[in-house]
Protein backbone atom coordinates (compact mmCIF):
# COMPACT_ATOMS: atom_id res chain seq x y z
CA PRO A 1 -68.18 -22.35 -13.26
CA ASP A 2 -71.60 -22.00 -12.57
CA ASN A 3 -72.59 -20.34 -16.07
CA GLY A 4 -70.76 -22.36 -18.30
CA TRP A 5 -69.31 -20.52 -21.50
CA VAL A 6 -69.82 -16.88 -21.81
CA ARG A 7 -69.43 -14.93 -25.25
CA VAL A 8 -67.38 -12.19 -25.22
CA ASP A 9 -66.77 -9.67 -27.78
CA PRO A 10 -63.02 -8.47 -27.65
CA THR A 11 -63.17 -5.65 -29.77
CA ALA A 12 -65.12 -3.63 -27.19
CA ALA A 13 -62.25 -3.72 -25.03
CA VAL A 14 -59.75 -2.32 -27.60
CA ASP A 15 -61.97 0.26 -29.14
CA PRO A 16 -65.49 0.42 -28.13
CA SER A 17 -66.54 2.79 -30.96
CA ARG A 18 -65.97 0.11 -33.51
CA VAL A 19 -68.80 -1.57 -32.11
CA GLU A 20 -71.12 1.21 -31.29
CA GLN A 21 -70.51 2.88 -34.38
CA GLY A 22 -69.96 0.03 -36.99
CA PHE A 23 -67.02 -0.93 -38.59
CA SER A 24 -67.44 0.98 -41.91
CA GLN A 25 -67.92 4.18 -39.88
CA GLN A 26 -65.04 3.52 -37.73
CA LEU A 27 -62.95 3.08 -41.15
CA LEU A 28 -64.10 6.02 -42.51
CA SER A 29 -62.91 8.33 -39.41
CA GLU A 30 -59.43 6.47 -39.35
CA LYS A 31 -58.83 6.96 -42.85
CA ASN A 32 -59.65 10.88 -42.56
CA ALA A 33 -57.42 10.94 -39.47
CA LEU A 34 -54.68 9.52 -41.48
CA SER A 35 -55.07 11.72 -44.36
CA THR A 36 -54.78 14.84 -42.33
CA ASN A 37 -51.67 13.63 -40.39
CA PHE A 38 -49.90 11.96 -42.91
CA ASP A 39 -46.74 13.55 -43.97
CA ILE A 40 -44.14 11.62 -46.43
CA THR A 41 -41.21 13.75 -45.46
CA ASN A 42 -41.90 12.77 -41.89
CA TYR A 43 -41.94 9.49 -42.96
CA LEU A 44 -38.72 9.57 -45.04
CA SER A 45 -37.08 11.67 -42.16
CA SER A 46 -37.74 9.05 -39.66
CA VAL A 47 -38.30 5.54 -40.61
CA TRP A 48 -36.31 5.29 -44.16
CA ILE A 49 -33.37 7.33 -42.82
CA SER A 50 -33.06 5.24 -39.92
CA GLN A 51 -33.19 1.89 -41.72
CA LEU A 52 -30.66 3.06 -43.91
CA LEU A 53 -28.71 4.01 -41.20
CA LEU A 54 -29.01 0.95 -39.73
CA GLN A 55 -27.84 -1.13 -43.11
CA PHE A 56 -24.89 1.20 -43.02
CA GLU A 57 -23.80 0.45 -39.57
CA ALA A 58 -24.10 -3.36 -40.47
CA LEU A 59 -22.08 -2.87 -43.54
CA ASP A 60 -19.09 -0.95 -41.44
CA TYR A 61 -19.30 -3.73 -38.59
CA GLU A 62 -19.11 -6.13 -41.51
CA TRP A 63 -15.85 -4.61 -43.01
CA THR A 64 -14.27 -3.71 -39.47
CA LYS A 65 -14.49 -7.60 -38.69
CA LEU A 66 -13.63 -8.86 -42.13
CA VAL A 67 -11.06 -6.55 -43.40
CA ILE A 68 -9.78 -4.32 -41.07
CA ASN A 69 -9.39 -6.71 -37.63
CA PHE A 70 -8.10 -9.28 -40.16
CA SER A 71 -4.84 -9.67 -38.57
CA GLN A 72 -1.84 -12.11 -39.41
CA ASP A 73 -3.04 -14.25 -36.46
CA LYS A 74 -6.50 -14.39 -37.76
CA GLN A 75 -5.03 -15.03 -41.42
CA ASN A 76 -3.06 -18.17 -39.96
CA GLU A 77 -6.21 -19.38 -37.81
CA LEU A 78 -8.38 -19.39 -41.03
CA LEU A 79 -5.45 -21.04 -42.96
CA SER A 80 -5.29 -23.79 -40.30
CA HIS A 81 -8.95 -24.20 -40.33
CA TRP A 82 -8.85 -25.16 -43.74
CA PHE A 83 -5.79 -26.76 -44.46
CA GLY A 84 -4.99 -28.19 -40.84
CA ASP A 85 -2.13 -27.00 -38.50
CA GLU A 86 0.84 -28.45 -40.67
CA PHE A 87 0.17 -26.02 -43.33
CA ASP A 88 3.23 -24.83 -45.50
CA TYR A 89 2.69 -21.28 -46.23
CA GLU A 90 5.90 -21.24 -48.61
CA ALA A 91 4.18 -23.82 -50.64
CA ALA A 92 1.11 -21.82 -50.67
CA GLY A 93 2.99 -18.98 -51.80
CA ILE A 94 4.60 -20.95 -54.79
CA ILE A 95 0.96 -22.56 -55.76
CA PHE A 96 -0.79 -19.13 -55.83
CA VAL A 97 2.12 -17.61 -58.08
CA ALA A 98 1.78 -20.74 -60.26
CA MET A 99 -1.97 -20.13 -60.24
CA ILE A 100 -1.89 -16.64 -61.35
CA PHE A 101 0.70 -17.40 -63.96
CA MET A 102 -1.38 -20.14 -65.55
CA SER A 103 -4.28 -17.94 -65.38
CA ILE A 104 -2.24 -15.09 -67.52
CA MET A 105 -1.08 -17.70 -69.84
CA ILE A 106 -4.81 -19.22 -70.52
CA TRP A 107 -5.96 -15.74 -71.01
CA LEU A 108 -3.06 -14.87 -73.14
CA PHE A 109 -3.77 -18.31 -75.22
CA HIS A 110 -7.71 -17.24 -75.58
CA ARG A 111 -6.37 -13.82 -76.65
CA LEU A 112 -3.78 -14.69 -79.49
CA ALA A 113 -6.33 -17.85 -80.49
CA LYS A 114 -9.04 -15.71 -81.66
CA PRO A 115 -10.02 -16.80 -84.91
CA SER A 116 -9.49 -13.99 -87.29
CA ILE A 117 -12.69 -12.61 -89.03
CA ARG A 118 -13.33 -13.88 -92.38
CA ALA A 119 -14.20 -11.73 -95.28
CA PRO A 120 -17.51 -11.89 -97.10
CA LYS A 121 -17.76 -14.45 -99.93
CA TRP A 122 -17.95 -11.50 -102.35
CA ILE A 123 -14.69 -10.15 -101.26
CA LEU A 124 -12.95 -13.62 -101.44
CA TYR A 125 -14.31 -13.73 -105.10
CA TYR A 126 -13.20 -10.74 -106.31
CA GLN A 127 -9.72 -10.78 -104.79
CA GLN A 128 -8.89 -14.34 -106.71
CA ILE A 129 -10.18 -13.00 -109.84
CA GLU A 130 -7.88 -10.08 -109.30
CA LYS A 131 -4.88 -12.39 -108.64
CA LYS A 132 -5.91 -14.72 -111.89
CA LEU A 133 -6.08 -11.45 -113.99
CA ASN A 134 -2.59 -10.26 -112.46
CA ASN A 135 -1.35 -13.67 -113.90
CA LEU A 136 -2.63 -12.64 -117.37
CA GLY A 137 -0.69 -9.59 -117.15
CA LEU A 138 -3.54 -7.44 -116.16
CA THR A 139 -2.25 -5.55 -113.44
CA LYS A 140 -4.20 -2.93 -111.74
CA SER A 141 -2.44 -0.09 -109.93
CA ASN A 142 -3.45 1.56 -106.63
CA ALA A 143 -4.32 5.03 -108.45
CA GLN A 144 -6.04 3.09 -111.23
CA LEU A 145 -10.27 3.59 -111.07
CA GLN A 146 -12.26 0.69 -111.31
CA LYS A 147 -13.61 2.00 -114.44
CA GLN A 148 -10.71 2.24 -116.39
CA TYR A 149 -9.43 -1.38 -115.12
CA VAL A 150 -12.49 -2.73 -116.42
CA ASN A 151 -11.91 -0.79 -119.63
CA GLN A 152 -8.07 -2.49 -119.52
CA VAL A 153 -9.62 -5.75 -119.51
CA SER A 154 -12.13 -5.00 -122.27
CA GLN A 155 -9.15 -4.01 -124.39
CA PHE A 156 -7.49 -7.31 -123.78
CA ASP A 157 -10.19 -9.48 -124.72
CA VAL A 158 -13.59 -8.13 -125.31
CA GLN A 159 -15.70 -11.49 -123.93
CA LEU A 160 -13.76 -11.22 -120.80
CA GLY A 161 -14.21 -7.55 -120.00
CA LYS A 162 -17.64 -7.98 -120.79
CA SER A 163 -17.97 -11.02 -118.14
CA TYR A 164 -15.84 -8.80 -115.72
CA GLN A 165 -18.09 -5.87 -115.84
CA GLN A 166 -21.09 -7.82 -114.79
CA PHE A 167 -18.86 -9.39 -111.97
CA ILE A 168 -17.71 -6.00 -110.68
CA SER A 169 -21.51 -4.69 -111.34
CA ASN A 170 -22.68 -7.05 -108.64
CA TYR A 171 -19.49 -6.87 -106.49
CA GLU A 172 -20.17 -3.12 -106.06
CA LYS A 173 -24.04 -3.66 -105.20
CA LEU A 174 -22.96 -6.12 -102.38
CA GLN A 175 -19.96 -3.91 -101.37
CA TYR A 176 -21.36 -0.70 -101.13
CA GLN A 177 -25.39 -0.54 -101.26
CA GLU A 178 -27.67 -1.72 -98.57
CA ASN A 179 -29.30 -4.64 -99.71
CA SER A 180 -31.85 -7.30 -97.77
CA GLU A 181 -31.00 -10.63 -97.09
CA LEU A 182 -33.01 -12.05 -100.28
CA GLU A 183 -31.18 -9.16 -102.52
CA LYS A 184 -27.85 -10.06 -100.93
CA SER A 185 -28.34 -14.17 -101.43
CA GLN A 186 -29.67 -13.20 -104.93
CA LEU A 187 -26.46 -11.06 -105.89
CA LEU A 188 -24.28 -13.36 -104.38
CA GLN A 189 -25.62 -16.39 -106.55
CA LYS A 190 -24.94 -14.43 -109.60
CA MET A 191 -21.65 -13.43 -108.41
CA LYS A 192 -20.80 -17.01 -108.04
CA GLU A 193 -21.70 -18.22 -111.67
CA GLN A 194 -19.99 -15.28 -113.04
CA TYR A 195 -16.99 -16.26 -110.94
CA LYS A 196 -16.90 -19.62 -112.49
CA GLN A 197 -17.38 -18.31 -115.98
CA LEU A 198 -14.68 -15.90 -115.51
CA ASN A 199 -12.68 -18.71 -114.22
CA ALA A 200 -13.16 -20.47 -117.47
CA GLN A 201 -12.59 -17.87 -119.54
CA ILE A 202 -9.17 -16.87 -118.11
CA LYS A 203 -8.27 -20.71 -118.20
CA LEU A 204 -8.94 -20.29 -121.83
CA LEU A 205 -7.00 -17.42 -122.26
CA VAL A 206 -3.93 -18.86 -120.38
CA ASN A 207 -3.93 -22.06 -122.53
CA HIS A 208 -4.26 -20.11 -125.81
CA ASN A 209 -1.41 -17.62 -124.84
CA SER A 210 0.96 -20.50 -123.71
C-alpha cells in the first residue's frame, strides 16, 4: 500500500534460466533435449493407441445402448414418444409393409422404364437402305459378304450399285474405324446425302418395275 504498483517478471518464477540466459539460448537447449528424448514409437504406443482405444470404447458404448439394450419396452417407449400413447402397432405394420411394397414397385418401374439405347445414325441409315433393297428383291443372306452383296446390287443396276458402294464405304469407316469428332461429323453428313440419293434411285426403280 505504501509503494503502489510493483513490476514483476512472471517468467522468472516459472523458469529463471529463461531470464538469465535469454530466450533464444533456452529455446535452443529445449530443442536439443526434445531431439534426444523424443521417440515416435513411444508417442504412438501411448497417445495414439490410447486415443484409438477411447474411440472404440465410445463406439462399443453406443452400440450397447442403441442396439443390444434396445428392448421391446424401449421400442414401445420410442414409438409412443413419436406418435403418442394411442399408437396402433398393427396399423404401423401395415403402413411399413405398404411402404416397402411401394418402394419395390417404384424401383421396378424405373428399371423397366429405362430408355433403350438408340443405335447411331449411320446404323439406322444402313438398316433402312437394306430394308428398301430387300423390297427390290435384293436380299442379303447372313453368310454373304458385304462385297458380294455390293456386286449383287451392281448387277441389278449399275448406278444403284455405285451409289451403294460409296454409301457402304462411309458406313464401314464410321462403324469400324477410329475417327475424330470432326471426321465422324463429315462422314455422317456424306452418308446422309448418299442415303437420300439411294432413296431417290430406289424409288425410281420401284416405279419403273411397277
